[in-house]
PDB file of all heavy atoms in Angstrom:
ATOM      1  N   THR A   1       9.412  -3.818  -0.674  1.00  0.00           N
ATOM      2  CA  THR A   1      10.256  -3.853   0.563  1.00  0.00           C
ATOM      3  C   THR A   1      10.763  -2.401   0.873  1.00  0.00           C
ATOM      4  O   THR A   1      11.331  -1.778   0.002  1.00  0.00           O
ATOM      5  CB  THR A   1      11.454  -4.834   0.405  1.00  0.00           C
ATOM      6  OG1 THR A   1      10.978  -6.137   0.092  1.00  0.00           O
ATOM      7  CG2 THR A   1      12.278  -4.898   1.684  1.00  0.00           C
ATOM      8  N   ASN A   2      10.564  -1.977   2.094  1.00  0.00           N
ATOM      9  CA  ASN A   2      11.061  -0.651   2.526  1.00  0.00           C
ATOM     10  C   ASN A   2      10.621   0.470   1.611  1.00  0.00           C
ATOM     11  O   ASN A   2      11.367   1.273   1.132  1.00  0.00           O
ATOM     12  CB  ASN A   2      12.623  -0.721   2.589  1.00  0.00           C
ATOM     13  CG  ASN A   2      13.137  -1.744   3.610  1.00  0.00           C
ATOM     14  OD1 ASN A   2      12.470  -2.075   4.618  1.00  0.00           O
ATOM     15  ND2 ASN A   2      14.281  -2.241   3.357  1.00  0.00           N
ATOM     16  N   CYS A   3       9.330   0.424   1.244  1.00  0.00           N
ATOM     17  CA  CYS A   3       8.771   1.380   0.331  1.00  0.00           C
ATOM     18  C   CYS A   3       7.667   2.243   1.034  1.00  0.00           C
ATOM     19  O   CYS A   3       7.085   1.872   2.020  1.00  0.00           O
ATOM     20  CB  CYS A   3       8.108   0.659  -0.843  1.00  0.00           C
ATOM     21  SG  CYS A   3       9.295  -0.158  -1.937  1.00  0.00           S
ATOM     22  N   VAL A   4       7.446   3.381   0.398  1.00  0.00           N
ATOM     23  CA  VAL A   4       6.337   4.279   0.717  1.00  0.00           C
ATOM     24  C   VAL A   4       5.453   4.456  -0.451  1.00  0.00           C
ATOM     25  O   VAL A   4       5.948   4.901  -1.502  1.00  0.00           O
ATOM     26  CB  VAL A   4       6.882   5.599   1.305  1.00  0.00           C
ATOM     27  CG1 VAL A   4       5.699   6.574   1.628  1.00  0.00           C
ATOM     28  CG2 VAL A   4       7.678   5.397   2.561  1.00  0.00           C
ATOM     29  N   GLY A   5       4.177   4.203  -0.301  1.00  0.00           N
ATOM     30  CA  GLY A   5       3.291   4.416  -1.418  1.00  0.00           C
ATOM     31  C   GLY A   5       2.090   5.289  -0.982  1.00  0.00           C
ATOM     32  O   GLY A   5       1.517   5.032   0.103  1.00  0.00           O
ATOM     33  N   VAL A   6       1.743   6.251  -1.777  1.00  0.00           N
ATOM     34  CA  VAL A   6       0.625   7.142  -1.466  1.00  0.00           C
ATOM     35  C   VAL A   6      -0.325   7.077  -2.677  1.00  0.00           C
ATOM     36  O   VAL A   6       0.060   7.436  -3.773  1.00  0.00           O
ATOM     37  CB  VAL A   6       1.035   8.617  -1.205  1.00  0.00           C
ATOM     38  CG1 VAL A   6      -0.140   9.514  -0.923  1.00  0.00           C
ATOM     39  CG2 VAL A   6       2.030   8.626  -0.046  1.00  0.00           C
ATOM     40  N   GLY A   7      -1.587   6.709  -2.430  1.00  0.00           N
ATOM     41  CA  GLY A   7      -2.573   6.538  -3.486  1.00  0.00           C
ATOM     42  C   GLY A   7      -3.794   7.453  -3.261  1.00  0.00           C
ATOM     43  O   GLY A   7      -4.191   7.604  -2.065  1.00  0.00           O
ATOM     44  N   HIS A   8      -4.268   8.047  -4.346  1.00  0.00           N
ATOM     45  CA  HIS A   8      -5.528   8.722  -4.252  1.00  0.00           C
ATOM     46  C   HIS A   8      -6.545   7.992  -5.115  1.00  0.00           C
ATOM     47  O   HIS A   8      -6.318   7.722  -6.294  1.00  0.00           O
ATOM     48  CB  HIS A   8      -5.401  10.207  -4.543  1.00  0.00           C
ATOM     49  CG  HIS A   8      -4.798  10.504  -5.969  1.00  0.00           C
ATOM     50  ND1 HIS A   8      -5.543  10.628  -7.063  1.00  0.00           N
ATOM     51  CD2 HIS A   8      -3.551  10.646  -6.318  1.00  0.00           C
ATOM     52  CE1 HIS A   8      -4.736  10.886  -8.114  1.00  0.00           C
ATOM     53  NE2 HIS A   8      -3.524  10.905  -7.663  1.00  0.00           N
ATOM     54  N   ASN A   9      -7.658   7.657  -4.571  1.00  0.00           N
ATOM     55  CA  ASN A   9      -8.694   6.854  -5.235  1.00  0.00           C
ATOM     56  C   ASN A   9      -8.347   5.399  -5.476  1.00  0.00           C
ATOM     57  O   ASN A   9      -9.098   4.642  -6.071  1.00  0.00           O
ATOM     58  CB  ASN A   9      -9.102   7.466  -6.603  1.00  0.00           C
ATOM     59  CG  ASN A   9      -9.663   8.861  -6.482  1.00  0.00           C
ATOM     60  OD1 ASN A   9     -10.346   9.178  -5.543  1.00  0.00           O
ATOM     61  ND2 ASN A   9      -9.396   9.718  -7.454  1.00  0.00           N
ATOM     62  N   ASP A  10      -7.232   5.023  -4.946  1.00  0.00           N
ATOM     63  CA  ASP A  10      -6.825   3.604  -4.933  1.00  0.00           C
ATOM     64  C   ASP A  10      -5.785   3.321  -3.834  1.00  0.00           C
ATOM     65  O   ASP A  10      -5.497   4.244  -3.094  1.00  0.00           O
ATOM     66  CB  ASP A  10      -6.344   3.144  -6.283  1.00  0.00           C
ATOM     67  CG  ASP A  10      -6.730   1.653  -6.603  1.00  0.00           C
ATOM     68  OD1 ASP A  10      -6.548   0.816  -5.754  1.00  0.00           O
ATOM     69  OD2 ASP A  10      -7.150   1.406  -7.743  1.00  0.00           O
ATOM     70  N   ALA A  11      -5.231   2.119  -3.880  1.00  0.00           N
ATOM     71  CA  ALA A  11      -4.371   1.722  -2.744  1.00  0.00           C
ATOM     72  C   ALA A  11      -3.090   2.547  -2.705  1.00  0.00           C
ATOM     73  O   ALA A  11      -2.558   2.935  -3.793  1.00  0.00           O
ATOM     74  CB  ALA A  11      -4.070   0.201  -2.808  1.00  0.00           C
ATOM     75  N   GLY A  12      -2.544   2.758  -1.506  1.00  0.00           N
ATOM     76  CA  GLY A  12      -1.182   3.278  -1.445  1.00  0.00           C
ATOM     77  C   GLY A  12      -0.149   2.285  -1.942  1.00  0.00           C
ATOM     78  O   GLY A  12       0.655   2.645  -2.765  1.00  0.00           O
ATOM     79  N   ILE A  13      -0.216   1.018  -1.476  1.00  0.00           N
ATOM     80  CA  ILE A  13       0.642   0.012  -1.977  1.00  0.00           C
ATOM     81  C   ILE A  13      -0.219  -1.238  -2.182  1.00  0.00           C
ATOM     82  O   ILE A  13      -1.009  -1.642  -1.309  1.00  0.00           O
ATOM     83  CB  ILE A  13       1.756  -0.381  -0.957  1.00  0.00           C
ATOM     84  CG1 ILE A  13       2.733   0.778  -0.762  1.00  0.00           C
ATOM     85  CG2 ILE A  13       2.558  -1.575  -1.387  1.00  0.00           C
ATOM     86  CD1 ILE A  13       3.841   0.589   0.273  1.00  0.00           C
ATOM     87  N   SER A  14      -0.146  -1.804  -3.412  1.00  0.00           N
ATOM     88  CA  SER A  14      -0.850  -3.040  -3.708  1.00  0.00           C
ATOM     89  C   SER A  14       0.183  -4.065  -4.201  1.00  0.00           C
ATOM     90  O   SER A  14       0.844  -3.799  -5.207  1.00  0.00           O
ATOM     91  CB  SER A  14      -1.861  -2.781  -4.819  1.00  0.00           C
ATOM     92  OG  SER A  14      -2.577  -3.986  -5.194  1.00  0.00           O
ATOM     93  N   THR A  15       0.264  -5.171  -3.396  1.00  0.00           N
ATOM     94  CA  THR A  15       1.382  -6.114  -3.744  1.00  0.00           C
ATOM     95  C   THR A  15       0.960  -7.476  -3.203  1.00  0.00           C
ATOM     96  O   THR A  15      -0.111  -7.683  -2.635  1.00  0.00           O
ATOM     97  CB  THR A  15       2.724  -5.657  -3.070  1.00  0.00           C
ATOM     98  OG1 THR A  15       3.743  -6.532  -3.466  1.00  0.00           O
ATOM     99  CG2 THR A  15       2.583  -5.572  -1.556  1.00  0.00           C
ATOM    100  N   ASP A  16       1.864  -8.440  -3.423  1.00  0.00           N
ATOM    101  CA  ASP A  16       1.605  -9.792  -2.839  1.00  0.00           C
ATOM    102  C   ASP A  16       2.263  -9.919  -1.486  1.00  0.00           C
ATOM    103  O   ASP A  16       1.673 -10.426  -0.508  1.00  0.00           O
ATOM    104  CB  ASP A  16       2.175 -10.857  -3.738  1.00  0.00           C
ATOM    105  CG  ASP A  16       1.327 -11.039  -5.028  1.00  0.00           C
ATOM    106  OD1 ASP A  16       0.128 -10.870  -4.953  1.00  0.00           O
ATOM    107  OD2 ASP A  16       1.924 -11.332  -6.065  1.00  0.00           O
ATOM    108  N   VAL A  17       3.475  -9.423  -1.341  1.00  0.00           N
ATOM    109  CA  VAL A  17       4.250  -9.468  -0.088  1.00  0.00           C
ATOM    110  C   VAL A  17       4.771  -8.114   0.236  1.00  0.00           C
ATOM    111  O   VAL A  17       5.513  -7.508  -0.566  1.00  0.00           O
ATOM    112  CB  VAL A  17       5.405 -10.486  -0.115  1.00  0.00           C
ATOM    113  CG1 VAL A  17       6.157 -10.478   1.201  1.00  0.00           C
ATOM    114  CG2 VAL A  17       4.862 -11.912  -0.370  1.00  0.00           C
ATOM    115  N   ALA A  18       4.454  -7.516   1.330  1.00  0.00           N
ATOM    116  CA  ALA A  18       4.946  -6.243   1.766  1.00  0.00           C
ATOM    117  C   ALA A  18       5.779  -6.347   2.985  1.00  0.00           C
ATOM    118  O   ALA A  18       5.336  -6.998   3.964  1.00  0.00           O
ATOM    119  CB  ALA A  18       3.764  -5.253   2.048  1.00  0.00           C
ATOM    120  N   THR A  19       6.964  -5.763   2.994  1.00  0.00           N
ATOM    121  CA  THR A  19       7.862  -5.888   4.164  1.00  0.00           C
ATOM    122  C   THR A  19       8.434  -4.490   4.473  1.00  0.00           C
ATOM    123  O   THR A  19       9.025  -3.873   3.623  1.00  0.00           O
ATOM    124  CB  THR A  19       9.060  -6.824   3.837  1.00  0.00           C
ATOM    125  OG1 THR A  19       8.603  -8.136   3.452  1.00  0.00           O
ATOM    126  CG2 THR A  19       9.984  -7.029   5.092  1.00  0.00           C
ATOM    127  N   GLY A  20       8.214  -4.052   5.702  1.00  0.00           N
ATOM    128  CA  GLY A  20       8.788  -2.715   6.118  1.00  0.00           C
ATOM    129  C   GLY A  20       8.238  -1.565   5.267  1.00  0.00           C
ATOM    130  O   GLY A  20       9.009  -0.605   5.041  1.00  0.00           O
ATOM    131  N   CYS A  21       6.991  -1.619   4.921  1.00  0.00           N
ATOM    132  CA  CYS A  21       6.449  -0.603   4.052  1.00  0.00           C
ATOM    133  C   CYS A  21       5.427   0.311   4.753  1.00  0.00           C
ATOM    134  O   CYS A  21       4.891  -0.070   5.819  1.00  0.00           O
ATOM    135  CB  CYS A  21       5.736  -1.191   2.802  1.00  0.00           C
ATOM    136  SG  CYS A  21       6.838  -2.086   1.724  1.00  0.00           S
ATOM    137  N   ARG A  22       5.215   1.457   4.178  1.00  0.00           N
ATOM    138  CA  ARG A  22       4.125   2.388   4.616  1.00  0.00           C
ATOM    139  C   ARG A  22       3.297   2.699   3.463  1.00  0.00           C
ATOM    140  O   ARG A  22       3.802   3.217   2.454  1.00  0.00           O
ATOM    141  CB  ARG A  22       4.755   3.590   5.265  1.00  0.00           C
ATOM    142  CG  ARG A  22       3.668   4.616   5.805  1.00  0.00           C
ATOM    143  CD  ARG A  22       4.298   5.910   6.339  1.00  0.00           C
ATOM    144  NE  ARG A  22       3.309   6.931   6.690  1.00  0.00           N
ATOM    145  CZ  ARG A  22       2.880   7.048   7.942  1.00  0.00           C
ATOM    146  NH1 ARG A  22       3.371   6.268   8.884  1.00  0.00           N
ATOM    147  NH2 ARG A  22       1.970   7.978   8.237  1.00  0.00           N
ATOM    148  N   GLY A  23       1.985   2.523   3.639  1.00  0.00           N
ATOM    149  CA  GLY A  23       1.071   2.876   2.528  1.00  0.00           C
ATOM    150  C   GLY A  23      -0.080   3.826   3.065  1.00  0.00           C
ATOM    151  O   GLY A  23      -0.616   3.543   4.163  1.00  0.00           O
ATOM    152  N   GLU A  24      -0.446   4.777   2.241  1.00  0.00           N
ATOM    153  CA  GLU A  24      -1.555   5.715   2.635  1.00  0.00           C
ATOM    154  C   GLU A  24      -2.446   5.869   1.429  1.00  0.00           C
ATOM    155  O   GLU A  24      -2.031   5.901   0.337  1.00  0.00           O
ATOM    156  CB  GLU A  24      -0.918   7.081   3.047  1.00  0.00           C
ATOM    157  CG  GLU A  24      -0.007   7.038   4.222  1.00  0.00           C
ATOM    158  CD  GLU A  24       0.515   8.396   4.543  1.00  0.00           C
ATOM    159  OE1 GLU A  24      -0.042   9.419   4.058  1.00  0.00           O
ATOM    160  OE2 GLU A  24       1.497   8.502   5.319  1.00  0.00           O
ATOM    161  N   SER A  25      -3.784   5.940   1.767  1.00  0.00           N
ATOM    162  CA  SER A  25      -4.767   6.174   0.719  1.00  0.00           C
ATOM    163  C   SER A  25      -5.919   6.969   1.286  1.00  0.00           C
ATOM    164  O   SER A  25      -6.179   6.894   2.508  1.00  0.00           O
ATOM    165  CB  SER A  25      -5.300   4.835   0.176  1.00  0.00           C
ATOM    166  OG  SER A  25      -6.326   5.032  -0.768  1.00  0.00           O
ATOM    167  N   ASP A  26      -6.555   7.695   0.437  1.00  0.00           N
ATOM    168  CA  ASP A  26      -7.717   8.479   0.858  1.00  0.00           C
ATOM    169  C   ASP A  26      -8.963   7.677   0.874  1.00  0.00           C
ATOM    170  O   ASP A  26      -9.832   7.718   1.810  1.00  0.00           O
ATOM    171  CB  ASP A  26      -7.904   9.748   0.079  1.00  0.00           C
ATOM    172  CG  ASP A  26      -7.833   9.522  -1.437  1.00  0.00           C
ATOM    173  OD1 ASP A  26      -7.763   8.349  -1.824  1.00  0.00           O
ATOM    174  OD2 ASP A  26      -7.890  10.453  -2.212  1.00  0.00           O
ATOM    175  N   THR A  27      -9.260   6.789  -0.145  1.00  0.00           N
ATOM    176  CA  THR A  27     -10.489   6.109  -0.285  1.00  0.00           C
ATOM    177  C   THR A  27     -10.282   4.549  -0.278  1.00  0.00           C
ATOM    178  O   THR A  27     -11.308   3.858  -0.141  1.00  0.00           O
ATOM    179  CB  THR A  27     -11.140   6.477  -1.576  1.00  0.00           C
ATOM    180  OG1 THR A  27     -10.290   6.123  -2.733  1.00  0.00           O
ATOM    181  CG2 THR A  27     -11.431   7.987  -1.659  1.00  0.00           C
ATOM    182  N   ALA A  28      -9.076   4.040  -0.520  1.00  0.00           N
ATOM    183  CA  ALA A  28      -8.891   2.556  -0.540  1.00  0.00           C
ATOM    184  C   ALA A  28      -7.981   2.145   0.521  1.00  0.00           C
ATOM    185  O   ALA A  28      -7.696   2.917   1.452  1.00  0.00           O
ATOM    186  CB  ALA A  28      -8.408   2.193  -1.898  1.00  0.00           C
ATOM    187  N   SER A  29      -7.418   0.999   0.383  1.00  0.00           N
ATOM    188  CA  SER A  29      -6.482   0.446   1.395  1.00  0.00           C
ATOM    189  C   SER A  29      -5.194   1.170   1.387  1.00  0.00           C
ATOM    190  O   SER A  29      -4.636   1.455   0.368  1.00  0.00           O
ATOM    191  CB  SER A  29      -6.272  -1.078   1.144  1.00  0.00           C
ATOM    192  OG  SER A  29      -7.450  -1.818   1.285  1.00  0.00           O
ATOM    193  N   GLY A  30      -4.630   1.482   2.551  1.00  0.00           N
ATOM    194  CA  GLY A  30      -3.333   2.014   2.684  1.00  0.00           C
ATOM    195  C   GLY A  30      -2.363   1.045   2.163  1.00  0.00           C
ATOM    196  O   GLY A  30      -1.515   1.343   1.277  1.00  0.00           O
ATOM    197  N   ILE A  31      -2.410  -0.247   2.593  1.00  0.00           N
ATOM    198  CA  ILE A  31      -1.646  -1.325   2.048  1.00  0.00           C
ATOM    199  C   ILE A  31      -2.606  -2.507   1.783  1.00  0.00           C
ATOM    200  O   ILE A  31      -3.315  -2.925   2.678  1.00  0.00           O
ATOM    201  CB  ILE A  31      -0.495  -1.803   2.966  1.00  0.00           C
ATOM    202  CG1 ILE A  31       0.574  -0.693   3.075  1.00  0.00           C
ATOM    203  CG2 ILE A  31       0.164  -3.083   2.488  1.00  0.00           C
ATOM    204  CD1 ILE A  31       1.670  -1.031   4.070  1.00  0.00           C
ATOM    205  N   PHE A  32      -2.521  -3.094   0.545  1.00  0.00           N
ATOM    206  CA  PHE A  32      -3.154  -4.336   0.255  1.00  0.00           C
ATOM    207  C   PHE A  32      -2.001  -5.304  -0.065  1.00  0.00           C
ATOM    208  O   PHE A  32      -1.367  -5.100  -1.067  1.00  0.00           O
ATOM    209  CB  PHE A  32      -4.129  -4.208  -0.896  1.00  0.00           C
ATOM    210  CG  PHE A  32      -4.639  -5.594  -1.346  1.00  0.00           C
ATOM    211  CD1 PHE A  32      -5.609  -6.260  -0.538  1.00  0.00           C
ATOM    212  CD2 PHE A  32      -4.168  -6.144  -2.472  1.00  0.00           C
ATOM    213  CE1 PHE A  32      -6.126  -7.478  -0.936  1.00  0.00           C
ATOM    214  CE2 PHE A  32      -4.588  -7.441  -2.855  1.00  0.00           C
ATOM    215  CZ  PHE A  32      -5.556  -8.064  -2.099  1.00  0.00           C
ATOM    216  N   ALA A  33      -1.847  -6.371   0.735  1.00  0.00           N
ATOM    217  CA  ALA A  33      -0.771  -7.346   0.487  1.00  0.00           C
ATOM    218  C   ALA A  33      -1.525  -8.701   0.387  1.00  0.00           C
ATOM    219  O   ALA A  33      -2.081  -9.239   1.336  1.00  0.00           O
ATOM    220  CB  ALA A  33       0.208  -7.333   1.611  1.00  0.00           C
ATOM    221  N   ASN A  34      -1.562  -9.202  -0.832  1.00  0.00           N
ATOM    222  CA  ASN A  34      -2.398 -10.396  -1.084  1.00  0.00           C
ATOM    223  C   ASN A  34      -2.015 -11.574  -0.235  1.00  0.00           C
ATOM    224  O   ASN A  34      -2.894 -12.311   0.235  1.00  0.00           O
ATOM    225  CB  ASN A  34      -2.225 -10.774  -2.553  1.00  0.00           C
ATOM    226  CG  ASN A  34      -3.224 -11.865  -2.998  1.00  0.00           C
ATOM    227  OD1 ASN A  34      -4.377 -11.854  -2.514  1.00  0.00           O
ATOM    228  ND2 ASN A  34      -2.801 -12.676  -3.925  1.00  0.00           N
ATOM    229  N   TYR A  35      -0.713 -11.763   0.045  1.00  0.00           N
ATOM    230  CA  TYR A  35      -0.235 -12.935   0.783  1.00  0.00           C
ATOM    231  C   TYR A  35       0.150 -12.576   2.259  1.00  0.00           C
ATOM    232  O   TYR A  35      -0.272 -13.242   3.162  1.00  0.00           O
ATOM    233  CB  TYR A  35       0.899 -13.616   0.120  1.00  0.00           C
ATOM    234  CG  TYR A  35       0.656 -14.105  -1.246  1.00  0.00           C
ATOM    235  CD1 TYR A  35       1.609 -14.169  -2.243  1.00  0.00           C
ATOM    236  CD2 TYR A  35      -0.657 -14.590  -1.565  1.00  0.00           C
ATOM    237  CE1 TYR A  35       1.356 -14.636  -3.528  1.00  0.00           C
ATOM    238  CE2 TYR A  35      -0.928 -14.983  -2.900  1.00  0.00           C
ATOM    239  CZ  TYR A  35       0.062 -15.030  -3.877  1.00  0.00           C
ATOM    240  OH  TYR A  35      -0.189 -15.556  -5.134  1.00  0.00           O
TER     241      TYR A  35
END
């Protein structure tokens, strides 16, 4: 919740529930939210 995640070679944010987040990635998903 209300997070920023930056990933290189994988997801910026990988979670079940994302709320108010920003995710960035070079090669994978910026945000992966399972639910």
